[in-house]
Amino acid sequence: MHSPHRSPEDLCEELLGRKLADVDAEERRVLERIASGSVMGPDAQEEAALHATFPDRLADKVAAVGGSWGFIIAFGVVLFGWMLVNSRLLEIFGLHPFDAYPYIFLNLMLSTLAAIQAPVIMMSQNRQSDKDRIAARHDYEVNLRTQLEIIRLHKRMDHLFEFLATRASAEAGEET
């Protein structure tokens, strides 16, 4: 019968039919976890959060806000209010518009916002693709571990069936 704790080398040869040095790093990591009896490491979101810096988290928040309907609606209200105030509304109170049509200062502000917001959103998208890669690697490890455990259980069942068959034939031989 198999011992409960096998080395990664033994498991690799038994389950994959290869030497541990011949498998890639992910397969080696899964075999080591199976051999130690440990569960999978942190999930993809936890792993990404562990490595996130303050600028990374800030980029994610800016992208979350800047890519929402709430932002679009609020920004539309601000733009409409800016144009309304700088049109004729201030003249009613005897003031001159501080950014009259064609709203040069507003255009400068919008250009500045776009110049800053676009790279920040791209940073967040890069982080999201990093998270996706981590999730794909995690899924691969889970699938590989599942396959290896199924192979391992299959071999144990085969061994058990062989044992029972030899025992049954031995008992049948004793009865004759």
N, C-alpha and C. Protein backbone atom coordinates (compact mmCIF):
# COMPACT_ATOMS: atom_id res chain seq x y z
N MET A 1 0.85 -1.19 0.00
CA MET A 1 0.00 0.00 0.00
C MET A 1 0.89 1.24 0.00
N HIS A 2 0.35 2.36 -0.52
CA HIS A 2 1.12 3.60 -0.59
C HIS A 2 1.20 4.25 0.78
N SER A 3 2.36 4.84 1.05
CA SER A 3 2.46 5.58 2.31
C SER A 3 1.77 6.92 2.12
N PRO A 4 1.17 7.48 3.18
CA PRO A 4 0.42 8.71 3.02
C PRO A 4 1.29 9.89 2.60
N HIS A 5 2.54 9.91 3.01
CA HIS A 5 3.42 11.03 2.68
C HIS A 5 4.51 10.54 1.73
N ARG A 6 4.40 10.94 0.50
CA ARG A 6 5.38 10.56 -0.52
C ARG A 6 6.14 11.82 -0.91
N SER A 7 7.34 11.64 -1.40
CA SER A 7 8.13 12.78 -1.82
C SER A 7 7.63 13.28 -3.18
N PRO A 8 7.86 14.55 -3.50
CA PRO A 8 7.46 15.06 -4.81
C PRO A 8 8.10 14.26 -5.95
N GLU A 9 9.34 13.81 -5.74
CA GLU A 9 10.03 13.02 -6.77
C GLU A 9 9.28 11.72 -7.04
N ASP A 10 8.90 11.02 -5.94
CA ASP A 10 8.16 9.76 -6.09
C ASP A 10 6.82 9.99 -6.78
N LEU A 11 6.10 11.04 -6.35
CA LEU A 11 4.81 11.33 -6.94
C LEU A 11 4.94 11.66 -8.43
N CYS A 12 5.96 12.41 -8.79
CA CYS A 12 6.17 12.79 -10.18
C CYS A 12 6.39 11.56 -11.05
N GLU A 13 7.23 10.67 -10.56
CA GLU A 13 7.50 9.45 -11.33
C GLU A 13 6.26 8.55 -11.37
N GLU A 14 5.55 8.45 -10.26
CA GLU A 14 4.37 7.58 -10.20
C GLU A 14 3.21 8.12 -11.04
N LEU A 15 2.94 9.44 -10.92
CA LEU A 15 1.76 10.00 -11.57
C LEU A 15 2.01 10.49 -12.99
N LEU A 16 3.19 11.04 -13.22
CA LEU A 16 3.47 11.61 -14.54
C LEU A 16 4.45 10.78 -15.36
N GLY A 17 5.12 9.86 -14.70
CA GLY A 17 6.08 9.02 -15.40
C GLY A 17 7.32 9.78 -15.84
N ARG A 18 7.65 10.85 -15.13
CA ARG A 18 8.83 11.67 -15.45
C ARG A 18 9.59 12.00 -14.18
N LYS A 19 10.81 12.44 -14.37
CA LYS A 19 11.62 12.92 -13.24
C LYS A 19 11.15 14.31 -12.86
N LEU A 20 11.30 14.66 -11.59
CA LEU A 20 10.87 15.97 -11.12
C LEU A 20 11.61 17.09 -11.84
N ALA A 21 12.86 16.86 -12.21
CA ALA A 21 13.64 17.88 -12.92
C ALA A 21 13.10 18.15 -14.32
N ASP A 22 12.29 17.23 -14.86
CA ASP A 22 11.77 17.37 -16.22
C ASP A 22 10.43 18.09 -16.30
N VAL A 23 9.83 18.41 -15.16
CA VAL A 23 8.53 19.10 -15.18
C VAL A 23 8.74 20.59 -14.95
N ASP A 24 7.74 21.38 -15.37
CA ASP A 24 7.88 22.83 -15.22
C ASP A 24 7.62 23.25 -13.76
N ALA A 25 7.84 24.52 -13.50
CA ALA A 25 7.76 25.03 -12.12
C ALA A 25 6.36 24.87 -11.53
N GLU A 26 5.33 25.09 -12.34
CA GLU A 26 3.97 24.98 -11.81
C GLU A 26 3.65 23.53 -11.43
N GLU A 27 4.03 22.58 -12.27
CA GLU A 27 3.81 21.18 -11.95
C GLU A 27 4.58 20.78 -10.71
N ARG A 28 5.81 21.28 -10.59
CA ARG A 28 6.63 20.98 -9.41
C ARG A 28 5.96 21.52 -8.15
N ARG A 29 5.44 22.76 -8.24
CA ARG A 29 4.77 23.37 -7.09
C ARG A 29 3.55 22.56 -6.67
N VAL A 30 2.77 22.08 -7.66
CA VAL A 30 1.59 21.27 -7.34
C VAL A 30 2.00 19.95 -6.71
N LEU A 31 3.02 19.31 -7.26
CA LEU A 31 3.49 18.03 -6.69
C LEU A 31 4.00 18.23 -5.26
N GLU A 32 4.67 19.34 -5.01
CA GLU A 32 5.16 19.61 -3.65
C GLU A 32 4.00 19.83 -2.69
N ARG A 33 2.94 20.50 -3.15
CA ARG A 33 1.77 20.72 -2.29
C ARG A 33 1.05 19.40 -2.02
N ILE A 34 0.95 18.55 -3.04
CA ILE A 34 0.31 17.25 -2.83
C ILE A 34 1.14 16.43 -1.85
N ALA A 35 2.45 16.42 -2.03
CA ALA A 35 3.33 15.64 -1.16
C ALA A 35 3.25 16.12 0.29
N SER A 36 3.15 17.43 0.47
CA SER A 36 3.10 17.97 1.84
C SER A 36 1.70 17.89 2.44
N GLY A 37 0.70 17.64 1.58
CA GLY A 37 -0.67 17.59 2.07
C GLY A 37 -1.27 18.95 2.30
N SER A 38 -0.63 20.00 1.77
CA SER A 38 -1.15 21.35 1.99
C SER A 38 -2.17 21.70 0.91
N VAL A 39 -3.00 22.65 1.25
CA VAL A 39 -4.00 23.13 0.29
C VAL A 39 -3.36 24.15 -0.63
N MET A 40 -4.12 24.60 -1.60
CA MET A 40 -3.62 25.60 -2.54
C MET A 40 -3.27 26.87 -1.77
N GLY A 41 -2.43 27.69 -2.38
CA GLY A 41 -2.05 28.96 -1.80
C GLY A 41 -3.21 29.95 -1.88
N PRO A 42 -2.89 31.23 -1.71
CA PRO A 42 -3.96 32.24 -1.77
C PRO A 42 -4.59 32.26 -3.16
N ASP A 43 -5.88 32.65 -3.20
CA ASP A 43 -6.53 32.71 -4.51
C ASP A 43 -6.02 33.93 -5.29
N ALA A 44 -6.46 34.06 -6.52
CA ALA A 44 -5.92 35.08 -7.42
C ALA A 44 -6.12 36.49 -6.88
N GLN A 45 -7.29 36.77 -6.33
CA GLN A 45 -7.55 38.12 -5.80
C GLN A 45 -6.66 38.42 -4.59
N GLU A 46 -6.49 37.42 -3.72
CA GLU A 46 -5.64 37.62 -2.54
C GLU A 46 -4.19 37.83 -2.95
N GLU A 47 -3.72 37.03 -3.92
CA GLU A 47 -2.34 37.15 -4.37
C GLU A 47 -2.09 38.51 -5.02
N ALA A 48 -3.03 38.96 -5.84
CA ALA A 48 -2.88 40.28 -6.48
C ALA A 48 -2.90 41.38 -5.42
N ALA A 49 -3.75 41.24 -4.41
CA ALA A 49 -3.83 42.25 -3.35
C ALA A 49 -2.54 42.28 -2.52
N LEU A 50 -1.91 41.11 -2.35
CA LEU A 50 -0.66 41.06 -1.58
C LEU A 50 0.45 41.86 -2.24
N HIS A 51 0.44 41.90 -3.58
CA HIS A 51 1.51 42.56 -4.31
C HIS A 51 1.14 43.98 -4.76
N ALA A 52 -0.06 44.45 -4.42
CA ALA A 52 -0.51 45.77 -4.87
C ALA A 52 0.15 46.88 -4.05
N THR A 53 0.67 47.85 -4.77
CA THR A 53 1.24 49.03 -4.12
C THR A 53 0.17 50.10 -4.00
N PHE A 54 0.47 51.17 -3.29
CA PHE A 54 -0.50 52.27 -3.17
C PHE A 54 -0.86 52.84 -4.53
N PRO A 55 0.12 53.12 -5.42
CA PRO A 55 -0.27 53.62 -6.75
C PRO A 55 -1.15 52.63 -7.53
N ASP A 56 -0.92 51.34 -7.34
CA ASP A 56 -1.77 50.34 -8.01
C ASP A 56 -3.21 50.43 -7.53
N ARG A 57 -3.38 50.50 -6.22
CA ARG A 57 -4.74 50.59 -5.66
C ARG A 57 -5.40 51.90 -6.07
N LEU A 58 -4.62 52.98 -6.10
CA LEU A 58 -5.16 54.28 -6.52
C LEU A 58 -5.61 54.22 -7.98
N ALA A 59 -4.80 53.61 -8.84
CA ALA A 59 -5.16 53.49 -10.26
C ALA A 59 -6.45 52.68 -10.40
N ASP A 60 -6.61 51.63 -9.61
CA ASP A 60 -7.84 50.84 -9.67
C ASP A 60 -9.05 51.66 -9.25
N LYS A 61 -8.88 52.49 -8.21
CA LYS A 61 -10.01 53.31 -7.75
C LYS A 61 -10.36 54.38 -8.78
N VAL A 62 -9.33 55.01 -9.36
CA VAL A 62 -9.59 56.04 -10.38
C VAL A 62 -10.30 55.41 -11.58
N ALA A 63 -9.85 54.23 -12.00
CA ALA A 63 -10.48 53.54 -13.13
C ALA A 63 -11.92 53.15 -12.80
N ALA A 64 -12.14 52.72 -11.56
CA ALA A 64 -13.49 52.32 -11.16
C ALA A 64 -14.44 53.52 -11.17
N VAL A 65 -13.95 54.67 -10.69
CA VAL A 65 -14.78 55.87 -10.68
C VAL A 65 -14.91 56.43 -12.08
N GLY A 66 -13.79 56.57 -12.80
CA GLY A 66 -13.79 57.18 -14.13
C GLY A 66 -14.50 56.35 -15.18
N GLY A 67 -14.70 55.09 -14.92
CA GLY A 67 -15.38 54.24 -15.88
C GLY A 67 -16.78 53.88 -15.45
N SER A 68 -17.44 54.78 -14.74
CA SER A 68 -18.78 54.48 -14.24
C SER A 68 -19.80 55.47 -14.79
N TRP A 69 -21.05 55.04 -14.81
CA TRP A 69 -22.12 55.93 -15.25
C TRP A 69 -22.27 57.10 -14.28
N GLY A 70 -22.04 56.87 -13.02
CA GLY A 70 -22.12 57.95 -12.04
C GLY A 70 -21.16 59.08 -12.39
N PHE A 71 -19.93 58.72 -12.79
CA PHE A 71 -18.94 59.72 -13.19
C PHE A 71 -19.40 60.46 -14.44
N ILE A 72 -19.89 59.72 -15.42
CA ILE A 72 -20.32 60.35 -16.68
C ILE A 72 -21.46 61.33 -16.43
N ILE A 73 -22.43 60.92 -15.63
CA ILE A 73 -23.57 61.80 -15.34
C ILE A 73 -23.12 63.01 -14.53
N ALA A 74 -22.33 62.79 -13.49
CA ALA A 74 -21.85 63.91 -12.66
C ALA A 74 -20.99 64.86 -13.49
N PHE A 75 -20.15 64.30 -14.33
CA PHE A 75 -19.29 65.14 -15.17
C PHE A 75 -20.12 65.93 -16.17
N GLY A 76 -21.18 65.32 -16.72
CA GLY A 76 -22.08 66.04 -17.63
C GLY A 76 -22.77 67.20 -16.93
N VAL A 77 -23.19 66.97 -15.68
CA VAL A 77 -23.83 68.04 -14.90
C VAL A 77 -22.84 69.19 -14.65
N VAL A 78 -21.59 68.85 -14.29
CA VAL A 78 -20.57 69.87 -14.06
C VAL A 78 -20.30 70.66 -15.34
N LEU A 79 -20.17 69.98 -16.47
CA LEU A 79 -19.93 70.69 -17.73
C LEU A 79 -21.09 71.60 -18.11
N PHE A 80 -22.31 71.07 -17.98
CA PHE A 80 -23.48 71.89 -18.29
C PHE A 80 -23.55 73.09 -17.34
N GLY A 81 -23.28 72.86 -16.06
CA GLY A 81 -23.28 73.97 -15.09
C GLY A 81 -22.21 75.00 -15.40
N TRP A 82 -21.02 74.54 -15.79
CA TRP A 82 -19.92 75.46 -16.16
C TRP A 82 -20.34 76.35 -17.32
N MET A 83 -20.92 75.71 -18.35
CA MET A 83 -21.34 76.48 -19.53
C MET A 83 -22.48 77.43 -19.20
N LEU A 84 -23.40 76.98 -18.36
CA LEU A 84 -24.54 77.81 -17.98
C LEU A 84 -24.06 79.03 -17.18
N VAL A 85 -23.20 78.79 -16.21
CA VAL A 85 -22.70 79.88 -15.37
C VAL A 85 -21.87 80.86 -16.19
N ASN A 86 -21.08 80.37 -17.11
CA ASN A 86 -20.19 81.24 -17.88
C ASN A 86 -20.83 81.79 -19.15
N SER A 87 -22.10 81.57 -19.32
CA SER A 87 -22.78 82.16 -20.47
C SER A 87 -23.35 83.50 -20.05
N ARG A 88 -24.60 83.56 -19.77
CA ARG A 88 -25.26 84.83 -19.43
C ARG A 88 -25.70 84.90 -17.98
N LEU A 89 -25.60 83.80 -17.26
CA LEU A 89 -26.10 83.75 -15.90
C LEU A 89 -25.35 84.73 -14.99
N LEU A 90 -24.01 84.81 -15.12
CA LEU A 90 -23.23 85.71 -14.27
C LEU A 90 -23.53 87.18 -14.59
N GLU A 91 -23.87 87.48 -15.84
CA GLU A 91 -24.15 88.87 -16.23
C GLU A 91 -25.41 89.38 -15.56
N ILE A 92 -26.33 88.46 -15.21
CA ILE A 92 -27.56 88.86 -14.51
C ILE A 92 -27.20 89.50 -13.17
N PHE A 93 -26.13 88.99 -12.54
CA PHE A 93 -25.70 89.50 -11.24
C PHE A 93 -24.66 90.59 -11.38
N GLY A 94 -24.43 91.03 -12.57
CA GLY A 94 -23.47 92.10 -12.81
C GLY A 94 -22.02 91.65 -12.83
N LEU A 95 -21.79 90.35 -13.00
CA LEU A 95 -20.44 89.82 -13.05
C LEU A 95 -20.10 89.40 -14.48
N HIS A 96 -18.83 89.39 -14.77
CA HIS A 96 -18.39 88.93 -16.08
C HIS A 96 -18.02 87.46 -16.00
N PRO A 97 -18.36 86.69 -17.02
CA PRO A 97 -17.99 85.26 -17.01
C PRO A 97 -16.48 85.10 -16.91
N PHE A 98 -16.02 84.21 -16.05
CA PHE A 98 -14.57 84.00 -15.90
C PHE A 98 -14.02 83.09 -16.99
N ASP A 99 -14.89 82.39 -17.73
CA ASP A 99 -14.45 81.55 -18.85
C ASP A 99 -15.55 81.56 -19.91
N ALA A 100 -15.65 82.69 -20.59
CA ALA A 100 -16.72 82.87 -21.58
C ALA A 100 -16.49 81.96 -22.79
N TYR A 101 -17.59 81.82 -23.56
CA TYR A 101 -17.51 81.02 -24.78
C TYR A 101 -16.34 81.50 -25.61
N PRO A 102 -15.48 80.63 -26.09
CA PRO A 102 -15.51 79.18 -26.35
C PRO A 102 -14.93 78.35 -25.21
N TYR A 103 -14.98 78.81 -23.98
CA TYR A 103 -14.62 78.04 -22.79
C TYR A 103 -13.19 77.49 -22.87
N ILE A 104 -12.25 78.35 -23.05
CA ILE A 104 -10.85 77.96 -23.21
C ILE A 104 -10.31 77.29 -21.94
N PHE A 105 -10.64 77.87 -20.78
CA PHE A 105 -10.17 77.26 -19.53
C PHE A 105 -10.79 75.87 -19.33
N LEU A 106 -12.07 75.73 -19.67
CA LEU A 106 -12.73 74.43 -19.57
C LEU A 106 -12.05 73.41 -20.48
N ASN A 107 -11.71 73.81 -21.69
CA ASN A 107 -11.00 72.92 -22.61
C ASN A 107 -9.64 72.51 -22.04
N LEU A 108 -8.94 73.45 -21.42
CA LEU A 108 -7.66 73.13 -20.79
C LEU A 108 -7.85 72.11 -19.67
N MET A 109 -8.87 72.31 -18.85
CA MET A 109 -9.15 71.38 -17.74
C MET A 109 -9.51 69.99 -18.28
N LEU A 110 -10.33 69.93 -19.33
CA LEU A 110 -10.71 68.64 -19.90
C LEU A 110 -9.51 67.94 -20.52
N SER A 111 -8.64 68.68 -21.20
CA SER A 111 -7.44 68.09 -21.79
C SER A 111 -6.51 67.55 -20.70
N THR A 112 -6.37 68.30 -19.62
CA THR A 112 -5.52 67.87 -18.51
C THR A 112 -6.10 66.61 -17.87
N LEU A 113 -7.40 66.62 -17.65
CA LEU A 113 -8.05 65.45 -17.06
C LEU A 113 -7.85 64.22 -17.95
N ALA A 114 -8.06 64.37 -19.25
CA ALA A 114 -7.90 63.24 -20.18
C ALA A 114 -6.45 62.77 -20.21
N ALA A 115 -5.50 63.72 -20.16
CA ALA A 115 -4.08 63.35 -20.21
C ALA A 115 -3.66 62.58 -18.96
N ILE A 116 -4.29 62.85 -17.85
CA ILE A 116 -3.95 62.15 -16.60
C ILE A 116 -4.77 60.86 -16.46
N GLN A 117 -6.05 60.94 -16.79
CA GLN A 117 -6.94 59.81 -16.57
C GLN A 117 -6.63 58.63 -17.49
N ALA A 118 -6.29 58.87 -18.73
CA ALA A 118 -6.05 57.78 -19.68
C ALA A 118 -4.90 56.86 -19.24
N PRO A 119 -3.71 57.39 -18.89
CA PRO A 119 -2.66 56.47 -18.44
C PRO A 119 -2.99 55.76 -17.13
N VAL A 120 -3.73 56.44 -16.25
CA VAL A 120 -4.10 55.80 -14.98
C VAL A 120 -5.04 54.62 -15.25
N ILE A 121 -5.98 54.81 -16.16
CA ILE A 121 -6.89 53.72 -16.50
C ILE A 121 -6.12 52.59 -17.18
N MET A 122 -5.13 52.93 -18.01
CA MET A 122 -4.31 51.90 -18.63
C MET A 122 -3.51 51.12 -17.58
N MET A 123 -3.02 51.82 -16.55
CA MET A 123 -2.31 51.13 -15.47
C MET A 123 -3.24 50.12 -14.79
N SER A 124 -4.48 50.55 -14.56
CA SER A 124 -5.45 49.65 -13.93
C SER A 124 -5.75 48.46 -14.84
N GLN A 125 -5.84 48.70 -16.14
CA GLN A 125 -6.07 47.60 -17.08
C GLN A 125 -4.89 46.64 -17.07
N ASN A 126 -3.68 47.16 -16.96
CA ASN A 126 -2.50 46.29 -16.86
C ASN A 126 -2.57 45.44 -15.60
N ARG A 127 -2.99 46.06 -14.50
CA ARG A 127 -3.13 45.30 -13.26
C ARG A 127 -4.20 44.23 -13.40
N GLN A 128 -5.29 44.57 -14.10
CA GLN A 128 -6.34 43.59 -14.31
C GLN A 128 -5.83 42.42 -15.14
N SER A 129 -5.03 42.70 -16.14
CA SER A 129 -4.48 41.60 -16.94
C SER A 129 -3.51 40.77 -16.10
N ASP A 130 -2.78 41.42 -15.18
CA ASP A 130 -1.92 40.67 -14.26
C ASP A 130 -2.77 39.75 -13.36
N LYS A 131 -3.90 40.29 -12.87
CA LYS A 131 -4.81 39.49 -12.04
C LYS A 131 -5.35 38.31 -12.85
N ASP A 132 -5.67 38.57 -14.12
CA ASP A 132 -6.18 37.50 -14.97
C ASP A 132 -5.13 36.41 -15.17
N ARG A 133 -3.87 36.82 -15.34
CA ARG A 133 -2.79 35.83 -15.48
C ARG A 133 -2.64 35.00 -14.20
N ILE A 134 -2.72 35.67 -13.06
CA ILE A 134 -2.63 34.97 -11.77
C ILE A 134 -3.80 34.00 -11.64
N ALA A 135 -5.00 34.45 -12.02
CA ALA A 135 -6.18 33.58 -11.94
C ALA A 135 -6.04 32.38 -12.87
N ALA A 136 -5.51 32.62 -14.07
CA ALA A 136 -5.32 31.51 -15.02
C ALA A 136 -4.30 30.51 -14.48
N ARG A 137 -3.22 31.03 -13.88
CA ARG A 137 -2.21 30.13 -13.30
C ARG A 137 -2.81 29.34 -12.14
N HIS A 138 -3.60 30.02 -11.33
CA HIS A 138 -4.25 29.36 -10.19
C HIS A 138 -5.21 28.28 -10.69
N ASP A 139 -6.00 28.60 -11.70
CA ASP A 139 -6.93 27.61 -12.27
C ASP A 139 -6.17 26.42 -12.83
N TYR A 140 -5.05 26.70 -13.50
CA TYR A 140 -4.23 25.62 -14.05
C TYR A 140 -3.73 24.72 -12.92
N GLU A 141 -3.26 25.32 -11.84
CA GLU A 141 -2.76 24.53 -10.71
C GLU A 141 -3.87 23.70 -10.08
N VAL A 142 -5.06 24.30 -9.95
CA VAL A 142 -6.19 23.55 -9.38
C VAL A 142 -6.54 22.38 -10.30
N ASN A 143 -6.61 22.64 -11.60
CA ASN A 143 -6.95 21.57 -12.54
C ASN A 143 -5.88 20.48 -12.54
N LEU A 144 -4.61 20.88 -12.52
CA LEU A 144 -3.53 19.90 -12.50
C LEU A 144 -3.57 19.08 -11.22
N ARG A 145 -3.78 19.75 -10.11
CA ARG A 145 -3.85 19.02 -8.84
C ARG A 145 -5.01 18.03 -8.84
N THR A 146 -6.13 18.47 -9.39
CA THR A 146 -7.30 17.59 -9.46
C THR A 146 -7.00 16.37 -10.33
N GLN A 147 -6.38 16.61 -11.49
CA GLN A 147 -6.03 15.49 -12.36
C GLN A 147 -5.06 14.53 -11.69
N LEU A 148 -4.06 15.09 -11.02
CA LEU A 148 -3.08 14.23 -10.34
C LEU A 148 -3.73 13.43 -9.21
N GLU A 149 -4.64 14.07 -8.49
CA GLU A 149 -5.32 13.36 -7.40
C GLU A 149 -6.22 12.26 -7.97
N ILE A 150 -6.86 12.51 -9.12
CA ILE A 150 -7.68 11.49 -9.74
C ILE A 150 -6.81 10.32 -10.19
N ILE A 151 -5.67 10.62 -10.81
CA ILE A 151 -4.74 9.56 -11.21
C ILE A 151 -4.29 8.76 -9.99
N ARG A 152 -3.98 9.49 -8.92
CA ARG A 152 -3.53 8.83 -7.69
C ARG A 152 -4.62 7.92 -7.11
N LEU A 153 -5.85 8.42 -7.08
CA LEU A 153 -6.96 7.60 -6.58
C LEU A 153 -7.21 6.40 -7.49
N HIS A 154 -7.09 6.63 -8.78
CA HIS A 154 -7.28 5.53 -9.74
C HIS A 154 -6.25 4.44 -9.50
N LYS A 155 -5.01 4.83 -9.29
CA LYS A 155 -3.95 3.84 -9.03
C LYS A 155 -4.21 3.11 -7.72
N ARG A 156 -4.70 3.83 -6.72
CA ARG A 156 -5.01 3.18 -5.44
C ARG A 156 -6.16 2.18 -5.61
N MET A 157 -7.17 2.57 -6.39
CA MET A 157 -8.29 1.66 -6.63
C MET A 157 -7.81 0.43 -7.39
N ASP A 158 -6.95 0.63 -8.41
CA ASP A 158 -6.40 -0.51 -9.14
C ASP A 158 -5.63 -1.43 -8.19
N HIS A 159 -4.83 -0.84 -7.32
CA HIS A 159 -4.07 -1.63 -6.35
C HIS A 159 -5.01 -2.40 -5.42
N LEU A 160 -6.08 -1.73 -4.98
CA LEU A 160 -7.05 -2.37 -4.10
C LEU A 160 -7.75 -3.52 -4.81
N PHE A 161 -8.14 -3.29 -6.06
CA PHE A 161 -8.80 -4.35 -6.83
C PHE A 161 -7.87 -5.54 -7.06
N GLU A 162 -6.60 -5.26 -7.34
CA GLU A 162 -5.62 -6.34 -7.51
C GLU A 162 -5.48 -7.12 -6.21
N PHE A 163 -5.40 -6.38 -5.10
CA PHE A 163 -5.28 -7.03 -3.80
C PHE A 163 -6.49 -7.92 -3.51
N LEU A 164 -7.68 -7.39 -3.77
CA LEU A 164 -8.89 -8.17 -3.53
C LEU A 164 -8.97 -9.37 -4.46
N ALA A 165 -8.55 -9.19 -5.71
CA ALA A 165 -8.58 -10.30 -6.67
C ALA A 165 -7.62 -11.41 -6.24
N THR A 166 -6.41 -11.05 -5.82
CA THR A 166 -5.45 -12.07 -5.38
C THR A 166 -5.93 -12.74 -4.09
N ARG A 167 -6.53 -11.97 -3.24
CA ARG A 167 -7.06 -12.54 -1.99
C ARG A 167 -8.22 -13.50 -2.28
N ALA A 168 -9.10 -13.08 -3.20
CA ALA A 168 -10.24 -13.94 -3.56
C ALA A 168 -9.75 -15.22 -4.24
N SER A 169 -8.75 -15.11 -5.10
CA SER A 169 -8.24 -16.32 -5.76
C SER A 169 -7.50 -17.20 -4.76
N ALA A 170 -6.84 -16.60 -3.78
CA ALA A 170 -6.16 -17.39 -2.74
C ALA A 170 -7.19 -18.13 -1.89
N GLU A 171 -8.28 -17.44 -1.54
CA GLU A 171 -9.34 -18.08 -0.75
C GLU A 171 -10.02 -19.17 -1.55
N ALA A 172 -10.21 -18.93 -2.84
CA ALA A 172 -10.83 -19.95 -3.70
C ALA A 172 -9.91 -21.16 -3.82
N GLY A 173 -8.60 -20.95 -3.86
CA GLY A 173 -7.62 -22.04 -3.92
C GLY A 173 -7.60 -22.84 -2.64
N GLU A 174 -7.84 -22.20 -1.50
CA GLU A 174 -7.85 -22.90 -0.22
C GLU A 174 -9.07 -23.78 -0.09
N GLU A 175 -10.21 -23.38 -0.70
CA GLU A 175 -11.45 -24.15 -0.58
C GLU A 175 -11.39 -25.43 -1.39
N THR A 176 -10.55 -25.51 -2.42
CA THR A 176 -10.51 -26.73 -3.24
C THR A 176 -9.57 -27.76 -2.72
